[in-house]
Amino acid sequence: MPAFVGAVNVNSMGTAAVFNIGDVYTIAPESSAKTFSGAGSFNTAERIQLRNDYSVTNTYDNDLYDQPVTGNL
């Protein structure tokens, strides 16, 4: 059965976003990302006491593929 869609306003979309209007059977976006960050980078709180005397982020990775997304259905 066809879908009836009213007004649509899209402010912004990311690079891995999927935008669909109407009937759809399946939506399967494929994306992967690798994030490097130092010690204490993703801490979330009101008061954090963190001491990093010696912090090194190792970004060397000799793998060819970490998370392949080709062929995933």
PDB file of N, CA and C in Angstrom:
ATOM      1  N   MET A   1       0.842  -1.165   0.000  1.00  0.00           N
ATOM      2  CA  MET A   1       0.000   0.000   0.000  1.00  0.00           C
ATOM      3  C   MET A   1       0.893   1.235   0.000  1.00  0.00           C
ATOM      4  N   PRO A   2       0.641   2.167  -0.891  1.00  0.00           N
ATOM      5  CA  PRO A   2       1.495   3.346  -0.960  1.00  0.00           C
ATOM      6  C   PRO A   2       1.333   4.232   0.267  1.00  0.00           C
ATOM      7  N   ALA A   3       2.404   4.920   0.593  1.00  0.00           N
ATOM      8  CA  ALA A   3       2.395   5.817   1.744  1.00  0.00           C
ATOM      9  C   ALA A   3       2.069   7.228   1.288  1.00  0.00           C
ATOM     10  N   PHE A   4       1.312   7.926   2.100  1.00  0.00           N
ATOM     11  CA  PHE A   4       1.023   9.332   1.860  1.00  0.00           C
ATOM     12  C   PHE A   4       1.882  10.145   2.812  1.00  0.00           C
ATOM     13  N   VAL A   5       2.755  10.969   2.248  1.00  0.00           N
ATOM     14  CA  VAL A   5       3.720  11.717   3.046  1.00  0.00           C
ATOM     15  C   VAL A   5       3.401  13.189   2.936  1.00  0.00           C
ATOM     16  N   GLY A   6       3.398  13.880   4.075  1.00  0.00           N
ATOM     17  CA  GLY A   6       3.153  15.321   4.095  1.00  0.00           C
ATOM     18  C   GLY A   6       4.434  16.089   3.842  1.00  0.00           C
ATOM     19  N   ALA A   7       4.503  17.277   4.372  1.00  0.00           N
ATOM     20  CA  ALA A   7       5.674  18.133   4.189  1.00  0.00           C
ATOM     21  C   ALA A   7       6.885  17.540   4.903  1.00  0.00           C
ATOM     22  N   VAL A   8       8.038  17.633   4.269  1.00  0.00           N
ATOM     23  CA  VAL A   8       9.280  17.102   4.817  1.00  0.00           C
ATOM     24  C   VAL A   8      10.307  18.225   4.832  1.00  0.00           C
ATOM     25  N   ASN A   9      10.989  18.390   5.961  1.00  0.00           N
ATOM     26  CA  ASN A   9      12.034  19.393   6.094  1.00  0.00           C
ATOM     27  C   ASN A   9      13.287  18.703   6.606  1.00  0.00           C
ATOM     28  N   VAL A  10      14.341  18.679   5.804  1.00  0.00           N
ATOM     29  CA  VAL A  10      15.610  18.071   6.188  1.00  0.00           C
ATOM     30  C   VAL A  10      16.616  19.197   6.397  1.00  0.00           C
ATOM     31  N   ASN A  11      17.055  19.365   7.646  1.00  0.00           N
ATOM     32  CA  ASN A  11      18.026  20.421   7.933  1.00  0.00           C
ATOM     33  C   ASN A  11      19.433  20.015   7.537  1.00  0.00           C
ATOM     34  N   SER A  12      19.843  18.814   7.910  1.00  0.00           N
ATOM     35  CA  SER A  12      21.169  18.339   7.541  1.00  0.00           C
ATOM     36  C   SER A  12      21.206  16.823   7.650  1.00  0.00           C
ATOM     37  N   MET A  13      22.143  16.243   6.923  1.00  0.00           N
ATOM     38  CA  MET A  13      22.346  14.797   6.968  1.00  0.00           C
ATOM     39  C   MET A  13      23.834  14.525   7.014  1.00  0.00           C
ATOM     40  N   GLY A  14      24.209  13.500   7.763  1.00  0.00           N
ATOM     41  CA  GLY A  14      25.611  13.110   7.836  1.00  0.00           C
ATOM     42  C   GLY A  14      26.010  12.286   6.621  1.00  0.00           C
ATOM     43  N   THR A  15      27.276  11.961   6.547  1.00  0.00           N
ATOM     44  CA  THR A  15      27.770  11.216   5.389  1.00  0.00           C
ATOM     45  C   THR A  15      27.303   9.761   5.382  1.00  0.00           C
ATOM     46  N   ALA A  16      26.990   9.201   6.542  1.00  0.00           N
ATOM     47  CA  ALA A  16      26.531   7.815   6.606  1.00  0.00           C
ATOM     48  C   ALA A  16      25.031   7.740   6.898  1.00  0.00           C
ATOM     49  N   ALA A  17      24.293   8.803   6.610  1.00  0.00           N
ATOM     50  CA  ALA A  17      22.869   8.851   6.911  1.00  0.00           C
ATOM     51  C   ALA A  17      22.050   8.199   5.804  1.00  0.00           C
ATOM     52  N   VAL A  18      20.857   7.762   6.167  1.00  0.00           N
ATOM     53  CA  VAL A  18      19.909   7.200   5.214  1.00  0.00           C
ATOM     54  C   VAL A  18      18.616   7.990   5.332  1.00  0.00           C
ATOM     55  N   PHE A  19      18.113   8.491   4.216  1.00  0.00           N
ATOM     56  CA  PHE A  19      16.878   9.264   4.192  1.00  0.00           C
ATOM     57  C   PHE A  19      15.888   8.544   3.306  1.00  0.00           C
ATOM     58  N   ASN A  20      14.730   8.230   3.858  1.00  0.00           N
ATOM     59  CA  ASN A  20      13.736   7.485   3.098  1.00  0.00           C
ATOM     60  C   ASN A  20      12.374   8.151   3.268  1.00  0.00           C
ATOM     61  N   ILE A  21      11.646   8.260   2.172  1.00  0.00           N
ATOM     62  CA  ILE A  21      10.259   8.724   2.200  1.00  0.00           C
ATOM     63  C   ILE A  21       9.438   7.683   1.464  1.00  0.00           C
ATOM     64  N   GLY A  22       8.412   7.182   2.111  1.00  0.00           N
ATOM     65  CA  GLY A  22       7.533   6.223   1.459  1.00  0.00           C
ATOM     66  C   GLY A  22       7.753   4.818   1.967  1.00  0.00           C
ATOM     67  N   ASP A  23       7.247   3.870   1.207  1.00  0.00           N
ATOM     68  CA  ASP A  23       7.331   2.467   1.594  1.00  0.00           C
ATOM     69  C   ASP A  23       8.747   1.946   1.400  1.00  0.00           C
ATOM     70  N   VAL A  24       9.163   1.099   2.311  1.00  0.00           N
ATOM     71  CA  VAL A  24      10.493   0.500   2.222  1.00  0.00           C
ATOM     72  C   VAL A  24      10.445  -0.873   2.867  1.00  0.00           C
ATOM     73  N   TYR A  25      11.153  -1.816   2.279  1.00  0.00           N
ATOM     74  CA  TYR A  25      11.218  -3.158   2.849  1.00  0.00           C
ATOM     75  C   TYR A  25      12.319  -3.255   3.893  1.00  0.00           C
ATOM     76  N   THR A  26      13.493  -2.787   3.535  1.00  0.00           N
ATOM     77  CA  THR A  26      14.617  -2.823   4.471  1.00  0.00           C
ATOM     78  C   THR A  26      15.582  -1.682   4.164  1.00  0.00           C
ATOM     79  N   ILE A  27      16.204  -1.176   5.207  1.00  0.00           N
ATOM     80  CA  ILE A  27      17.252  -0.164   5.071  1.00  0.00           C
ATOM     81  C   ILE A  27      18.471  -0.691   5.797  1.00  0.00           C
ATOM     82  N   ALA A  28      19.578  -0.795   5.103  1.00  0.00           N
ATOM     83  CA  ALA A  28      20.793  -1.355   5.694  1.00  0.00           C
ATOM     84  C   ALA A  28      21.985  -0.468   5.361  1.00  0.00           C
ATOM     85  N   PRO A  29      22.190   0.598   6.121  1.00  0.00           N
ATOM     86  CA  PRO A  29      23.366   1.434   5.862  1.00  0.00           C
ATOM     87  C   PRO A  29      24.652   0.709   6.248  1.00  0.00           C
ATOM     88  N   GLU A  30      25.697   0.990   5.523  1.00  0.00           N
ATOM     89  CA  GLU A  30      26.991   0.359   5.782  1.00  0.00           C
ATOM     90  C   GLU A  30      28.037   1.439   5.990  1.00  0.00           C
ATOM     91  N   SER A  31      28.648   1.433   7.155  1.00  0.00           N
ATOM     92  CA  SER A  31      29.734   2.361   7.420  1.00  0.00           C
ATOM     93  C   SER A  31      30.583   1.821   8.557  1.00  0.00           C
ATOM     94  N   SER A  32      31.792   2.283   8.636  1.00  0.00           N
ATOM     95  CA  SER A  32      32.680   1.910   9.733  1.00  0.00           C
ATOM     96  C   SER A  32      33.619   3.080   9.995  1.00  0.00           C
ATOM     97  N   ALA A  33      34.122   3.142  11.213  1.00  0.00           N
ATOM     98  CA  ALA A  33      35.021   4.223  11.596  1.00  0.00           C
ATOM     99  C   ALA A  33      36.005   3.707  12.630  1.00  0.00           C
ATOM    100  N   LYS A  34      37.158   4.296  12.652  1.00  0.00           N
ATOM    101  CA  LYS A  34      38.168   3.959  13.656  1.00  0.00           C
ATOM    102  C   LYS A  34      38.548   5.246  14.372  1.00  0.00           C
ATOM    103  N   THR A  35      38.522   5.213  15.684  1.00  0.00           N
ATOM    104  CA  THR A  35      38.784   6.404  16.480  1.00  0.00           C
ATOM    105  C   THR A  35      39.974   6.166  17.386  1.00  0.00           C
ATOM    106  N   PHE A  36      40.914   7.072  17.336  1.00  0.00           N
ATOM    107  CA  PHE A  36      42.060   7.054  18.243  1.00  0.00           C
ATOM    108  C   PHE A  36      41.912   8.227  19.199  1.00  0.00           C
ATOM    109  N   SER A  37      42.123   7.985  20.465  1.00  0.00           N
ATOM    110  CA  SER A  37      42.069   9.076  21.435  1.00  0.00           C
ATOM    111  C   SER A  37      42.969   8.741  22.612  1.00  0.00           C
ATOM    112  N   GLY A  38      43.397   9.759  23.290  1.00  0.00           N
ATOM    113  CA  GLY A  38      44.300   9.583  24.419  1.00  0.00           C
ATOM    114  C   GLY A  38      43.566   9.254  25.704  1.00  0.00           C
ATOM    115  N   ALA A  39      44.304   9.108  26.755  1.00  0.00           N
ATOM    116  CA  ALA A  39      43.742   8.754  28.055  1.00  0.00           C
ATOM    117  C   ALA A  39      42.835   9.868  28.556  1.00  0.00           C
ATOM    118  N   GLY A  40      41.657   9.497  29.026  1.00  0.00           N
ATOM    119  CA  GLY A  40      40.712  10.458  29.567  1.00  0.00           C
ATOM    120  C   GLY A  40      39.943  11.250  28.535  1.00  0.00           C
ATOM    121  N   SER A  41      39.976  10.860  27.281  1.00  0.00           N
ATOM    122  CA  SER A  41      39.315  11.637  26.233  1.00  0.00           C
ATOM    123  C   SER A  41      37.801  11.526  26.272  1.00  0.00           C
ATOM    124  N   PHE A  42      37.256  10.376  26.598  1.00  0.00           N
ATOM    125  CA  PHE A  42      35.814  10.181  26.550  1.00  0.00           C
ATOM    126  C   PHE A  42      35.175  10.183  27.930  1.00  0.00           C
ATOM    127  N   ASN A  43      35.818  10.762  28.908  1.00  0.00           N
ATOM    128  CA  ASN A  43      35.222  10.864  30.239  1.00  0.00           C
ATOM    129  C   ASN A  43      34.105  11.892  30.222  1.00  0.00           C
ATOM    130  N   THR A  44      32.975  11.546  30.837  1.00  0.00           N
ATOM    131  CA  THR A  44      31.863  12.489  30.941  1.00  0.00           C
ATOM    132  C   THR A  44      31.384  12.521  32.386  1.00  0.00           C
ATOM    133  N   ALA A  45      31.504  13.650  32.999  1.00  0.00           N
ATOM    134  CA  ALA A  45      31.042  13.851  34.368  1.00  0.00           C
ATOM    135  C   ALA A  45      31.139  15.332  34.683  1.00  0.00           C
ATOM    136  N   GLU A  46      30.610  15.707  35.840  1.00  0.00           N
ATOM    137  CA  GLU A  46      30.689  17.112  36.231  1.00  0.00           C
ATOM    138  C   GLU A  46      32.071  17.465  36.776  1.00  0.00           C
ATOM    139  N   ARG A  47      32.599  16.613  37.638  1.00  0.00           N
ATOM    140  CA  ARG A  47      33.932  16.854  38.196  1.00  0.00           C
ATOM    141  C   ARG A  47      34.782  15.608  38.003  1.00  0.00           C
ATOM    142  N   ILE A  48      35.805  15.724  37.197  1.00  0.00           N
ATOM    143  CA  ILE A  48      36.699  14.601  36.939  1.00  0.00           C
ATOM    144  C   ILE A  48      38.095  14.980  37.418  1.00  0.00           C
ATOM    145  N   GLN A  49      38.669  14.125  38.216  1.00  0.00           N
ATOM    146  CA  GLN A  49      40.056  14.306  38.613  1.00  0.00           C
ATOM    147  C   GLN A  49      40.858  13.215  37.927  1.00  0.00           C
ATOM    148  N   LEU A  50      41.630  13.616  36.965  1.00  0.00           N
ATOM    149  CA  LEU A  50      42.357  12.670  36.136  1.00  0.00           C
ATOM    150  C   LEU A  50      43.825  13.050  36.137  1.00  0.00           C
ATOM    151  N   ARG A  51      44.668  12.070  36.305  1.00  0.00           N
ATOM    152  CA  ARG A  51      46.104  12.315  36.286  1.00  0.00           C
ATOM    153  C   ARG A  51      46.740  11.373  35.270  1.00  0.00           C
ATOM    154  N   ASN A  52      47.284  11.967  34.234  1.00  0.00           N
ATOM    155  CA  ASN A  52      47.975  11.211  33.189  1.00  0.00           C
ATOM    156  C   ASN A  52      49.421  11.689  33.137  1.00  0.00           C
ATOM    157  N   ASP A  53      50.255  11.022  33.902  1.00  0.00           N
ATOM    158  CA  ASP A  53      51.658  11.420  33.892  1.00  0.00           C
ATOM    159  C   ASP A  53      52.327  11.091  32.566  1.00  0.00           C
ATOM    160  N   TYR A  54      52.015   9.933  32.039  1.00  0.00           N
ATOM    161  CA  TYR A  54      52.620   9.510  30.780  1.00  0.00           C
ATOM    162  C   TYR A  54      51.535   8.856  29.942  1.00  0.00           C
ATOM    163  N   SER A  55      51.078   9.530  28.916  1.00  0.00           N
ATOM    164  CA  SER A  55      49.990   9.021  28.081  1.00  0.00           C
ATOM    165  C   SER A  55      50.421   9.048  26.627  1.00  0.00           C
ATOM    166  N   VAL A  56      50.356   7.914  25.980  1.00  0.00           N
ATOM    167  CA  VAL A  56      50.700   7.797  24.564  1.00  0.00           C
ATOM    168  C   VAL A  56      49.583   7.031  23.870  1.00  0.00           C
ATOM    169  N   THR A  57      49.096   7.566  22.767  1.00  0.00           N
ATOM    170  CA  THR A  57      48.091   6.877  21.972  1.00  0.00           C
ATOM    171  C   THR A  57      48.782   6.216  20.797  1.00  0.00           C
ATOM    172  N   ASN A  58      48.743   4.901  20.766  1.00  0.00           N
ATOM    173  CA  ASN A  58      49.379   4.152  19.695  1.00  0.00           C
ATOM    174  C   ASN A  58      48.420   4.059  18.524  1.00  0.00           C
ATOM    175  N   THR A  59      48.760   4.690  17.409  1.00  0.00           N
ATOM    176  CA  THR A  59      47.906   4.675  16.229  1.00  0.00           C
ATOM    177  C   THR A  59      48.425   3.735  15.152  1.00  0.00           C
ATOM    178  N   TYR A  60      49.468   2.992  15.436  1.00  0.00           N
ATOM    179  CA  TYR A  60      49.990   2.051  14.448  1.00  0.00           C
ATOM    180  C   TYR A  60      49.106   0.809  14.416  1.00  0.00           C
ATOM    181  N   ASP A  61      48.630   0.464  13.241  1.00  0.00           N
ATOM    182  CA  ASP A  61      47.777  -0.707  13.067  1.00  0.00           C
ATOM    183  C   ASP A  61      48.170  -1.364  11.759  1.00  0.00           C
ATOM    184  N   ASN A  62      48.714  -2.547  11.834  1.00  0.00           N
ATOM    185  CA  ASN A  62      49.196  -3.210  10.631  1.00  0.00           C
ATOM    186  C   ASN A  62      48.125  -4.072   9.956  1.00  0.00           C
ATOM    187  N   ASP A  63      46.890  -4.073  10.485  1.00  0.00           N
ATOM    188  CA  ASP A  63      45.818  -4.811   9.823  1.00  0.00           C
ATOM    189  C   ASP A  63      45.432  -4.102   8.534  1.00  0.00           C
ATOM    190  N   LEU A  64      45.082  -4.884   7.533  1.00  0.00           N
ATOM    191  CA  LEU A  64      44.614  -4.289   6.287  1.00  0.00           C
ATOM    192  C   LEU A  64      43.151  -3.879   6.422  1.00  0.00           C
ATOM    193  N   TYR A  65      42.331  -4.749   7.027  1.00  0.00           N
ATOM    194  CA  TYR A  65      40.910  -4.453   7.236  1.00  0.00           C
ATOM    195  C   TYR A  65      40.561  -4.726   8.700  1.00  0.00           C
ATOM    196  N   ASP A  66      39.929  -3.765   9.349  1.00  0.00           N
ATOM    197  CA  ASP A  66      39.491  -3.956  10.721  1.00  0.00           C
ATOM    198  C   ASP A  66      38.023  -4.369  10.791  1.00  0.00           C
ATOM    199  N   GLN A  67      37.187  -3.693  10.017  1.00  0.00           N
ATOM    200  CA  GLN A  67      35.770  -3.975  10.032  1.00  0.00           C
ATOM    201  C   GLN A  67      35.246  -3.866   8.610  1.00  0.00           C
ATOM    202  N   PRO A  68      35.339  -4.951   7.840  1.00  0.00           N
ATOM    203  CA  PRO A  68      34.879  -4.868   6.457  1.00  0.00           C
ATOM    204  C   PRO A  68      33.356  -4.762   6.385  1.00  0.00           C
ATOM    205  N   VAL A  69      32.863  -3.893   5.518  1.00  0.00           N
ATOM    206  CA  VAL A  69      31.427  -3.717   5.361  1.00  0.00           C
ATOM    207  C   VAL A  69      30.941  -4.151   3.983  1.00  0.00           C
ATOM    208  N   THR A  70      31.833  -4.547   3.105  1.00  0.00           N
ATOM    209  CA  THR A  70      31.400  -5.011   1.788  1.00  0.00           C
ATOM    210  C   THR A  70      30.790  -6.393   1.897  1.00  0.00           C
ATOM    211  N   GLY A  71      29.693  -6.575   1.232  1.00  0.00           N
ATOM    212  CA  GLY A  71      29.021  -7.880   1.235  1.00  0.00           C
ATOM    213  C   GLY A  71      28.082  -8.094   2.384  1.00  0.00           C
ATOM    214  N   ASN A  72      27.984  -7.150   3.322  1.00  0.00           N
ATOM    215  CA  ASN A  72      27.035  -7.312   4.428  1.00  0.00           C
ATOM    216  C   ASN A  72      25.643  -6.938   3.944  1.00  0.00           C
ATOM    217  N   LEU A  73      24.715  -7.803   4.153  1.00  0.00           N
ATOM    218  CA  LEU A  73      23.338  -7.539   3.716  1.00  0.00           C
ATOM    219  C   LEU A  73      22.417  -7.519   4.892  1.00  0.00           C
TER     220      LEU A  73
END
